[in-house]
Amino acid sequence: MKISKYIQVAIGIIIGFAIASLGIFLYLKYVESTTGSNLNDTITAIKSQGVMGKVITIGAIPNLLIFFLLLRLKRDMMAWGIIIATAILTLITVFV
């Protein structure tokens, strides 16, 4: 069964946001473990320091690996979805 191009792009966008969210969470857990505070205090500190955009950028790095993996698997439309998700995250980073 062939999946429509638009559905493949939508799946890529969902994967892009999910992987970026996972990357952000893992980075926050890393910062939490190094500072010895809980997750809520870590998020509050990051917001108060004004570095939330940088945290989003660090969290989006795994999208690069998924993008190249999808290209290798010949899932070009899903890779386009990853690019779109990363572009949206870039716009969010600019405005945060």
N, C-alpha and C. Protein backbone atom coordinates (compact mmCIF):
# COMPACT_ATOMS: atom_id res chain seq x y z
N MET A 1 0.84 -1.17 0.00
CA MET A 1 0.00 0.00 0.00
C MET A 1 0.89 1.25 0.00
N LYS A 2 0.64 2.13 -0.93
CA LYS A 2 1.43 3.34 -1.05
C LYS A 2 0.81 4.45 -0.21
N ILE A 3 1.65 5.11 0.57
CA ILE A 3 1.19 6.21 1.42
C ILE A 3 1.33 7.51 0.64
N SER A 4 0.33 8.37 0.75
CA SER A 4 0.32 9.66 0.06
C SER A 4 1.53 10.50 0.49
N LYS A 5 1.99 11.37 -0.42
CA LYS A 5 3.11 12.25 -0.12
C LYS A 5 2.80 13.15 1.06
N TYR A 6 1.57 13.65 1.12
CA TYR A 6 1.19 14.57 2.19
C TYR A 6 1.18 13.87 3.55
N ILE A 7 0.76 12.63 3.57
CA ILE A 7 0.77 11.87 4.82
C ILE A 7 2.20 11.60 5.25
N GLN A 8 3.08 11.30 4.29
CA GLN A 8 4.49 11.08 4.63
C GLN A 8 5.13 12.34 5.20
N VAL A 9 4.80 13.49 4.62
CA VAL A 9 5.33 14.76 5.15
C VAL A 9 4.79 15.01 6.55
N ALA A 10 3.49 14.74 6.76
CA ALA A 10 2.90 14.92 8.09
C ALA A 10 3.55 14.00 9.12
N ILE A 11 3.82 12.77 8.72
CA ILE A 11 4.51 11.84 9.62
C ILE A 11 5.91 12.37 9.94
N GLY A 12 6.60 12.91 8.95
CA GLY A 12 7.92 13.48 9.18
C GLY A 12 7.88 14.67 10.13
N ILE A 13 6.84 15.51 10.01
CA ILE A 13 6.70 16.65 10.93
C ILE A 13 6.47 16.15 12.35
N ILE A 14 5.61 15.16 12.49
CA ILE A 14 5.34 14.61 13.82
C ILE A 14 6.61 13.99 14.42
N ILE A 15 7.34 13.24 13.59
CA ILE A 15 8.59 12.65 14.06
C ILE A 15 9.58 13.75 14.46
N GLY A 16 9.66 14.81 13.66
CA GLY A 16 10.57 15.92 13.96
C GLY A 16 10.28 16.58 15.29
N PHE A 17 9.00 16.85 15.56
CA PHE A 17 8.65 17.47 16.84
C PHE A 17 8.85 16.50 18.00
N ALA A 18 8.55 15.22 17.78
CA ALA A 18 8.71 14.23 18.84
C ALA A 18 10.19 14.06 19.20
N ILE A 19 11.05 13.97 18.20
CA ILE A 19 12.48 13.80 18.46
C ILE A 19 13.06 15.05 19.12
N ALA A 20 12.61 16.23 18.69
CA ALA A 20 13.08 17.47 19.31
C ALA A 20 12.61 17.55 20.76
N SER A 21 11.38 17.14 21.03
CA SER A 21 10.87 17.14 22.41
C SER A 21 11.68 16.18 23.27
N LEU A 22 12.00 15.02 22.72
CA LEU A 22 12.81 14.06 23.44
C LEU A 22 14.21 14.63 23.71
N GLY A 23 14.77 15.31 22.72
CA GLY A 23 16.09 15.93 22.89
C GLY A 23 16.08 17.01 23.96
N ILE A 24 15.03 17.83 23.98
CA ILE A 24 14.91 18.87 25.01
C ILE A 24 14.79 18.22 26.39
N PHE A 25 13.96 17.19 26.49
CA PHE A 25 13.77 16.51 27.77
C PHE A 25 15.08 15.89 28.26
N LEU A 26 15.80 15.23 27.37
CA LEU A 26 17.08 14.62 27.77
C LEU A 26 18.10 15.67 28.20
N TYR A 27 18.11 16.81 27.51
CA TYR A 27 19.02 17.89 27.91
C TYR A 27 18.64 18.44 29.28
N LEU A 28 17.34 18.62 29.51
CA LEU A 28 16.90 19.12 30.81
C LEU A 28 17.23 18.12 31.93
N LYS A 29 17.08 16.83 31.64
CA LYS A 29 17.44 15.82 32.64
C LYS A 29 18.95 15.85 32.91
N TYR A 30 19.75 16.08 31.87
CA TYR A 30 21.19 16.19 32.06
C TYR A 30 21.53 17.39 32.95
N VAL A 31 20.92 18.53 32.65
CA VAL A 31 21.18 19.73 33.46
C VAL A 31 20.70 19.50 34.89
N GLU A 32 19.57 18.83 35.02
CA GLU A 32 19.04 18.52 36.35
C GLU A 32 20.00 17.65 37.14
N SER A 33 20.60 16.66 36.50
CA SER A 33 21.51 15.76 37.21
C SER A 33 22.82 16.45 37.58
N THR A 34 23.27 17.40 36.77
CA THR A 34 24.53 18.08 37.08
C THR A 34 24.35 19.16 38.14
N THR A 35 23.17 19.77 38.21
CA THR A 35 22.95 20.83 39.19
C THR A 35 22.39 20.31 40.49
N GLY A 36 21.78 19.13 40.47
CA GLY A 36 21.22 18.56 41.69
C GLY A 36 19.85 19.10 42.05
N SER A 37 19.21 19.80 41.13
CA SER A 37 17.87 20.33 41.39
C SER A 37 16.84 19.45 40.70
N ASN A 38 15.55 19.74 40.94
CA ASN A 38 14.52 18.96 40.27
C ASN A 38 14.18 19.59 38.92
N LEU A 39 13.36 18.90 38.14
CA LEU A 39 13.06 19.33 36.77
C LEU A 39 12.34 20.67 36.75
N ASN A 40 11.42 20.88 37.67
CA ASN A 40 10.67 22.14 37.71
C ASN A 40 11.59 23.33 37.98
N ASP A 41 12.52 23.17 38.93
CA ASP A 41 13.47 24.25 39.22
C ASP A 41 14.40 24.50 38.04
N THR A 42 14.77 23.43 37.34
CA THR A 42 15.65 23.57 36.17
C THR A 42 14.96 24.38 35.08
N ILE A 43 13.69 24.06 34.81
CA ILE A 43 12.94 24.80 33.78
C ILE A 43 12.76 26.25 34.19
N THR A 44 12.45 26.50 35.46
CA THR A 44 12.30 27.87 35.95
C THR A 44 13.59 28.66 35.80
N ALA A 45 14.72 28.02 36.13
CA ALA A 45 16.01 28.70 36.01
C ALA A 45 16.34 29.01 34.55
N ILE A 46 16.04 28.09 33.66
CA ILE A 46 16.32 28.31 32.24
C ILE A 46 15.46 29.46 31.71
N LYS A 47 14.20 29.50 32.11
CA LYS A 47 13.32 30.60 31.68
C LYS A 47 13.80 31.94 32.23
N SER A 48 14.20 31.95 33.49
CA SER A 48 14.63 33.21 34.11
C SER A 48 15.94 33.72 33.52
N GLN A 49 16.79 32.82 33.07
CA GLN A 49 18.06 33.23 32.46
C GLN A 49 17.89 33.62 30.99
N GLY A 50 16.72 33.30 30.42
CA GLY A 50 16.45 33.68 29.03
C GLY A 50 17.17 32.82 28.01
N VAL A 51 17.43 31.58 28.31
CA VAL A 51 18.14 30.71 27.38
C VAL A 51 17.26 29.58 26.84
N MET A 52 15.95 29.77 26.90
CA MET A 52 15.04 28.73 26.43
C MET A 52 15.24 28.47 24.93
N GLY A 53 15.52 29.50 24.16
CA GLY A 53 15.77 29.32 22.73
C GLY A 53 16.97 28.44 22.47
N LYS A 54 18.00 28.60 23.28
CA LYS A 54 19.19 27.77 23.13
C LYS A 54 18.91 26.31 23.49
N VAL A 55 18.05 26.11 24.49
CA VAL A 55 17.68 24.75 24.87
C VAL A 55 16.89 24.09 23.75
N ILE A 56 15.99 24.83 23.11
CA ILE A 56 15.23 24.30 21.98
C ILE A 56 16.17 23.93 20.84
N THR A 57 17.16 24.77 20.60
CA THR A 57 18.13 24.50 19.54
C THR A 57 18.93 23.23 19.83
N ILE A 58 19.37 23.07 21.05
CA ILE A 58 20.11 21.86 21.42
C ILE A 58 19.22 20.64 21.29
N GLY A 59 17.95 20.78 21.68
CA GLY A 59 17.02 19.66 21.58
C GLY A 59 16.72 19.25 20.14
N ALA A 60 16.88 20.18 19.21
CA ALA A 60 16.58 19.88 17.80
C ALA A 60 17.74 19.22 17.07
N ILE A 61 18.89 19.11 17.68
CA ILE A 61 20.05 18.49 17.03
C ILE A 61 19.79 17.05 16.60
N PRO A 62 19.10 16.23 17.40
CA PRO A 62 18.84 14.85 16.93
C PRO A 62 18.04 14.76 15.63
N ASN A 63 17.33 15.83 15.27
CA ASN A 63 16.61 15.84 13.99
C ASN A 63 17.56 15.65 12.82
N LEU A 64 18.78 16.13 12.97
CA LEU A 64 19.79 15.97 11.92
C LEU A 64 20.08 14.50 11.67
N LEU A 65 20.22 13.75 12.75
CA LEU A 65 20.49 12.31 12.61
C LEU A 65 19.30 11.58 11.97
N ILE A 66 18.10 11.93 12.40
CA ILE A 66 16.90 11.30 11.84
C ILE A 66 16.74 11.68 10.37
N PHE A 67 17.08 12.91 10.02
CA PHE A 67 16.99 13.36 8.63
C PHE A 67 17.88 12.50 7.73
N PHE A 68 19.13 12.31 8.13
CA PHE A 68 20.04 11.51 7.30
C PHE A 68 19.65 10.03 7.30
N LEU A 69 19.10 9.54 8.39
CA LEU A 69 18.61 8.17 8.43
C LEU A 69 17.46 7.98 7.44
N LEU A 70 16.53 8.94 7.42
CA LEU A 70 15.41 8.84 6.48
C LEU A 70 15.87 8.94 5.03
N LEU A 71 16.87 9.77 4.78
CA LEU A 71 17.42 9.84 3.42
C LEU A 71 18.05 8.52 3.02
N ARG A 72 18.74 7.91 3.94
CA ARG A 72 19.39 6.62 3.65
C ARG A 72 18.36 5.53 3.38
N LEU A 73 17.21 5.61 4.08
CA LEU A 73 16.14 4.64 3.89
C LEU A 73 15.23 4.98 2.71
N LYS A 74 15.60 6.01 1.96
CA LYS A 74 14.85 6.46 0.78
C LYS A 74 13.43 6.91 1.14
N ARG A 75 13.30 7.57 2.27
CA ARG A 75 12.02 8.16 2.71
C ARG A 75 12.14 9.68 2.58
N ASP A 76 12.25 10.14 1.34
CA ASP A 76 12.52 11.55 1.07
C ASP A 76 11.42 12.48 1.57
N MET A 77 10.16 12.08 1.44
CA MET A 77 9.07 12.96 1.87
C MET A 77 9.03 13.08 3.39
N MET A 78 9.35 12.02 4.10
CA MET A 78 9.43 12.11 5.55
C MET A 78 10.60 13.00 5.96
N ALA A 79 11.69 12.94 5.20
CA ALA A 79 12.83 13.81 5.46
C ALA A 79 12.43 15.28 5.26
N TRP A 80 11.57 15.54 4.26
CA TRP A 80 11.04 16.90 4.08
C TRP A 80 10.25 17.33 5.31
N GLY A 81 9.50 16.42 5.90
CA GLY A 81 8.76 16.72 7.12
C GLY A 81 9.68 17.09 8.27
N ILE A 82 10.82 16.41 8.37
CA ILE A 82 11.82 16.75 9.39
C ILE A 82 12.34 18.16 9.16
N ILE A 83 12.59 18.51 7.90
CA ILE A 83 13.06 19.86 7.58
C ILE A 83 12.02 20.90 7.97
N ILE A 84 10.76 20.64 7.68
CA ILE A 84 9.69 21.58 8.02
C ILE A 84 9.59 21.74 9.53
N ALA A 85 9.65 20.63 10.27
CA ALA A 85 9.58 20.70 11.74
C ALA A 85 10.76 21.50 12.30
N THR A 86 11.94 21.29 11.73
CA THR A 86 13.11 22.02 12.19
C THR A 86 12.99 23.51 11.86
N ALA A 87 12.42 23.85 10.72
CA ALA A 87 12.20 25.25 10.37
C ALA A 87 11.21 25.91 11.34
N ILE A 88 10.16 25.18 11.70
CA ILE A 88 9.20 25.72 12.66
C ILE A 88 9.87 25.91 14.03
N LEU A 89 10.69 24.95 14.44
CA LEU A 89 11.42 25.09 15.69
C LEU A 89 12.39 26.28 15.65
N THR A 90 12.95 26.53 14.48
CA THR A 90 13.83 27.69 14.32
C THR A 90 13.05 28.98 14.53
N LEU A 91 11.87 29.06 13.96
CA LEU A 91 11.03 30.26 14.16
C LEU A 91 10.63 30.41 15.62
N ILE A 92 10.32 29.31 16.28
CA ILE A 92 9.99 29.37 17.71
C ILE A 92 11.20 29.87 18.50
N THR A 93 12.38 29.40 18.13
CA THR A 93 13.60 29.82 18.82
C THR A 93 13.85 31.32 18.67
N VAL A 94 13.56 31.86 17.49
CA VAL A 94 13.76 33.28 17.25
C VAL A 94 12.83 34.12 18.11
N PHE A 95 11.61 33.66 18.31
CA PHE A 95 10.63 34.46 19.02
C PHE A 95 10.57 34.18 20.52
N VAL A 96 11.34 33.21 21.02
CA VAL A 96 11.32 32.92 22.46
C VAL A 96 12.38 33.70 23.16
